N, C-alpha and C. Protein backbone atom coordinates (compact mmCIF):
# COMPACT_ATOMS: atom_id res chain seq x y z
N UNK A 1 136.67 49.17 79.28
CA UNK A 1 135.99 47.90 79.43
C UNK A 1 135.10 47.64 78.22
N UNK A 2 134.46 48.68 77.74
CA UNK A 2 133.59 48.48 76.57
C UNK A 2 134.40 48.01 75.36
N UNK A 3 135.59 48.58 75.17
CA UNK A 3 136.43 48.14 74.04
C UNK A 3 136.85 46.68 74.20
N UNK A 4 137.20 46.29 75.42
CA UNK A 4 137.71 44.94 75.65
C UNK A 4 136.59 43.91 75.71
N UNK A 5 135.43 44.27 76.27
CA UNK A 5 134.39 43.27 76.54
C UNK A 5 133.05 43.56 75.87
N UNK A 6 132.89 44.74 75.31
CA UNK A 6 131.59 45.17 74.80
C UNK A 6 131.00 44.32 73.70
N UNK A 7 131.82 43.67 72.91
CA UNK A 7 131.27 42.84 71.84
C UNK A 7 130.77 41.50 72.38
N UNK A 8 131.21 41.11 73.54
CA UNK A 8 130.85 39.81 74.13
C UNK A 8 129.87 39.94 75.29
N UNK A 9 129.88 41.10 75.96
CA UNK A 9 129.05 41.29 77.15
C UNK A 9 128.19 42.55 77.02
N UNK A 10 127.00 42.46 77.54
CA UNK A 10 126.17 43.64 77.78
C UNK A 10 126.66 44.21 79.10
N UNK A 11 127.17 45.44 79.08
CA UNK A 11 127.80 46.01 80.26
C UNK A 11 126.94 47.09 80.89
N UNK A 12 126.93 47.10 82.20
CA UNK A 12 126.27 48.15 82.96
C UNK A 12 127.21 48.65 84.04
N UNK A 13 127.08 49.92 84.38
CA UNK A 13 127.98 50.53 85.35
C UNK A 13 127.17 51.29 86.39
N UNK A 14 127.69 51.28 87.61
CA UNK A 14 127.06 52.01 88.70
C UNK A 14 128.15 52.68 89.53
N UNK A 15 128.02 53.98 89.73
CA UNK A 15 128.95 54.71 90.59
C UNK A 15 128.30 54.87 91.96
N UNK A 16 129.11 54.83 92.99
CA UNK A 16 128.57 55.00 94.33
C UNK A 16 129.66 55.38 95.31
N UNK A 17 129.27 55.42 96.55
CA UNK A 17 130.20 55.79 97.61
C UNK A 17 129.88 54.96 98.85
N UNK A 18 130.92 54.50 99.49
CA UNK A 18 130.78 53.84 100.78
C UNK A 18 131.55 54.67 101.80
N UNK A 19 131.29 54.43 103.05
CA UNK A 19 132.02 55.11 104.12
C UNK A 19 132.76 54.05 104.92
N UNK A 20 134.07 54.26 105.06
CA UNK A 20 134.89 53.37 105.88
C UNK A 20 134.95 53.97 107.29
N UNK A 21 134.51 53.20 108.25
CA UNK A 21 134.50 53.64 109.65
C UNK A 21 135.55 52.87 110.44
N UNK A 22 136.27 53.57 111.27
CA UNK A 22 137.24 52.94 112.17
C UNK A 22 137.43 53.88 113.35
N UNK A 23 137.95 53.39 114.45
CA UNK A 23 138.04 54.23 115.66
C UNK A 23 139.16 55.27 115.61
N UNK A 24 140.22 55.04 114.80
CA UNK A 24 141.33 55.99 114.72
C UNK A 24 142.16 55.68 113.47
N UNK A 25 143.03 56.62 113.12
CA UNK A 25 143.95 56.38 112.02
C UNK A 25 144.84 55.19 112.28
N UNK A 26 145.28 55.01 113.52
CA UNK A 26 146.11 53.87 113.86
C UNK A 26 145.33 52.56 113.71
N UNK A 27 144.04 52.58 114.05
CA UNK A 27 143.22 51.37 113.87
C UNK A 27 143.06 51.04 112.39
N UNK A 28 142.98 52.07 111.54
CA UNK A 28 142.93 51.83 110.09
C UNK A 28 144.24 51.15 109.66
N UNK A 29 145.37 51.66 110.12
CA UNK A 29 146.67 51.06 109.82
C UNK A 29 146.68 49.59 110.23
N UNK A 30 146.28 49.30 111.43
CA UNK A 30 146.28 47.93 111.93
C UNK A 30 145.41 47.02 111.06
N UNK A 31 144.24 47.51 110.67
CA UNK A 31 143.34 46.72 109.83
C UNK A 31 143.95 46.45 108.46
N UNK A 32 144.55 47.47 107.85
CA UNK A 32 145.11 47.32 106.51
C UNK A 32 146.38 46.49 106.51
N UNK A 33 147.25 46.68 107.48
CA UNK A 33 148.51 45.94 107.50
C UNK A 33 148.28 44.47 107.87
N UNK A 34 147.18 44.19 108.53
CA UNK A 34 146.86 42.80 108.89
C UNK A 34 146.02 42.10 107.84
N UNK A 35 145.18 42.84 107.10
CA UNK A 35 144.21 42.15 106.27
C UNK A 35 144.04 42.62 104.84
N UNK A 36 144.75 43.66 104.41
CA UNK A 36 144.63 44.12 103.03
C UNK A 36 145.93 43.82 102.32
N UNK A 37 145.90 42.85 101.43
CA UNK A 37 147.09 42.30 100.78
C UNK A 37 148.13 43.29 100.32
N UNK A 38 147.77 44.30 99.49
CA UNK A 38 148.80 45.22 99.00
C UNK A 38 149.50 46.00 100.12
N UNK A 39 148.74 46.47 101.10
CA UNK A 39 149.35 47.21 102.21
C UNK A 39 150.18 46.27 103.07
N UNK A 40 149.67 45.10 103.32
CA UNK A 40 150.39 44.09 104.12
C UNK A 40 151.72 43.73 103.46
N UNK A 41 151.69 43.50 102.14
CA UNK A 41 152.91 43.13 101.42
C UNK A 41 153.92 44.28 101.39
N UNK A 42 153.42 45.49 101.16
CA UNK A 42 154.32 46.64 101.15
C UNK A 42 154.99 46.82 102.50
N UNK A 43 154.20 46.81 103.57
CA UNK A 43 154.74 47.00 104.91
C UNK A 43 155.77 45.91 105.24
N UNK A 44 155.49 44.68 104.86
CA UNK A 44 156.40 43.57 105.14
C UNK A 44 157.72 43.69 104.37
N UNK A 45 157.68 44.37 103.24
CA UNK A 45 158.88 44.47 102.41
C UNK A 45 159.84 45.58 102.85
N UNK A 46 159.40 46.43 103.77
CA UNK A 46 160.21 47.59 104.17
C UNK A 46 161.04 47.30 105.41
N UNK A 47 162.18 47.98 105.50
CA UNK A 47 162.95 47.90 106.74
C UNK A 47 162.18 48.67 107.82
N UNK A 48 162.60 48.52 109.05
CA UNK A 48 161.86 49.09 110.18
C UNK A 48 161.66 50.60 110.06
N UNK A 49 162.68 51.31 109.66
CA UNK A 49 162.60 52.78 109.56
C UNK A 49 161.60 53.20 108.48
N UNK A 50 161.66 52.58 107.33
CA UNK A 50 160.74 52.95 106.23
C UNK A 50 159.32 52.49 106.54
N UNK A 51 159.18 51.35 107.21
CA UNK A 51 157.84 50.89 107.59
C UNK A 51 157.21 51.87 108.58
N UNK A 52 157.99 52.37 109.53
CA UNK A 52 157.48 53.34 110.50
C UNK A 52 157.09 54.64 109.81
N UNK A 53 157.86 55.07 108.82
CA UNK A 53 157.52 56.28 108.06
C UNK A 53 156.22 56.07 107.29
N UNK A 54 156.05 54.89 106.69
CA UNK A 54 154.80 54.57 106.00
C UNK A 54 153.64 54.58 106.98
N UNK A 55 153.81 53.95 108.14
CA UNK A 55 152.74 53.92 109.14
C UNK A 55 152.36 55.34 109.56
N UNK A 56 153.35 56.15 109.83
CA UNK A 56 153.10 57.54 110.27
C UNK A 56 152.32 58.31 109.21
N UNK A 57 152.74 58.21 107.95
CA UNK A 57 152.05 58.92 106.87
C UNK A 57 150.64 58.37 106.65
N UNK A 58 150.48 57.06 106.74
CA UNK A 58 149.20 56.40 106.56
C UNK A 58 148.22 56.87 107.64
N UNK A 59 148.68 56.87 108.89
CA UNK A 59 147.84 57.30 110.01
C UNK A 59 147.49 58.77 109.88
N UNK A 60 148.46 59.60 109.55
CA UNK A 60 148.22 61.03 109.38
C UNK A 60 147.18 61.29 108.30
N UNK A 61 147.29 60.59 107.18
CA UNK A 61 146.30 60.74 106.11
C UNK A 61 144.91 60.38 106.60
N UNK A 62 144.76 59.25 107.25
CA UNK A 62 143.44 58.80 107.68
C UNK A 62 142.89 59.64 108.83
N UNK A 63 143.75 60.19 109.64
CA UNK A 63 143.28 61.06 110.73
C UNK A 63 142.62 62.33 110.20
N UNK A 64 142.86 62.68 108.95
CA UNK A 64 142.20 63.84 108.36
C UNK A 64 140.69 63.61 108.22
N UNK A 65 140.26 62.37 108.33
CA UNK A 65 138.84 62.03 108.22
C UNK A 65 138.22 61.79 109.59
N UNK A 66 138.85 62.34 110.62
CA UNK A 66 138.35 62.16 111.99
C UNK A 66 136.99 62.83 112.14
N UNK A 67 136.11 62.14 112.82
CA UNK A 67 134.77 62.62 113.15
C UNK A 67 134.59 62.39 114.65
N UNK A 68 133.52 62.87 115.24
CA UNK A 68 133.36 62.73 116.69
C UNK A 68 133.50 61.30 117.22
N UNK A 69 133.13 60.31 116.43
CA UNK A 69 133.21 58.92 116.91
C UNK A 69 134.29 58.10 116.22
N UNK A 70 135.24 58.75 115.58
CA UNK A 70 136.34 58.03 114.94
C UNK A 70 136.51 58.47 113.50
N UNK A 71 137.12 57.61 112.72
CA UNK A 71 137.38 57.89 111.31
C UNK A 71 136.13 57.59 110.50
N UNK A 72 135.80 58.51 109.61
CA UNK A 72 134.66 58.35 108.71
C UNK A 72 135.12 58.80 107.34
N UNK A 73 135.59 57.85 106.54
CA UNK A 73 136.26 58.16 105.28
C UNK A 73 135.41 57.73 104.08
N UNK A 74 134.99 58.69 103.24
CA UNK A 74 134.23 58.31 102.04
C UNK A 74 135.15 57.69 101.00
N UNK A 75 134.62 56.67 100.32
CA UNK A 75 135.38 56.00 99.26
C UNK A 75 134.46 55.78 98.07
N UNK A 76 134.87 56.29 96.92
CA UNK A 76 134.07 56.13 95.71
C UNK A 76 134.38 54.79 95.07
N UNK A 77 133.36 54.26 94.38
CA UNK A 77 133.58 53.02 93.65
C UNK A 77 132.86 53.08 92.30
N UNK A 78 133.27 52.22 91.41
CA UNK A 78 132.60 52.00 90.13
C UNK A 78 132.36 50.50 90.03
N UNK A 79 131.11 50.11 89.96
CA UNK A 79 130.74 48.71 89.83
C UNK A 79 130.42 48.44 88.37
N UNK A 80 131.04 47.43 87.82
CA UNK A 80 130.77 47.01 86.45
C UNK A 80 130.14 45.63 86.49
N UNK A 81 129.03 45.49 85.78
CA UNK A 81 128.33 44.20 85.72
C UNK A 81 128.19 43.83 84.25
N UNK A 82 128.58 42.60 83.92
CA UNK A 82 128.49 42.15 82.54
C UNK A 82 127.66 40.89 82.42
N UNK A 83 126.82 40.85 81.40
CA UNK A 83 126.04 39.66 81.08
C UNK A 83 126.45 39.21 79.68
N UNK A 84 126.87 37.96 79.60
CA UNK A 84 127.34 37.44 78.32
C UNK A 84 126.19 37.50 77.30
N UNK A 85 126.52 37.98 76.12
CA UNK A 85 125.50 38.10 75.04
C UNK A 85 125.20 36.75 74.45
């Protein structure tokens, strides 16, 4: 970003972490397939068998973050803020 924008923008960066909470891995699947564009588009493009395999793997992955009250999945982020010079 500095190479592409650094001569035009004063850039600042912040790293952090959020926690995604959901009641189950299946609930995460339902949320993503209904409202997260890339997952929704991928799921819609697959035949029934491949979509079910994707759902199964997706749920299994998210179930690894199970906590006593549901899924608690940490997600790292990098925030970039630019002010035009």
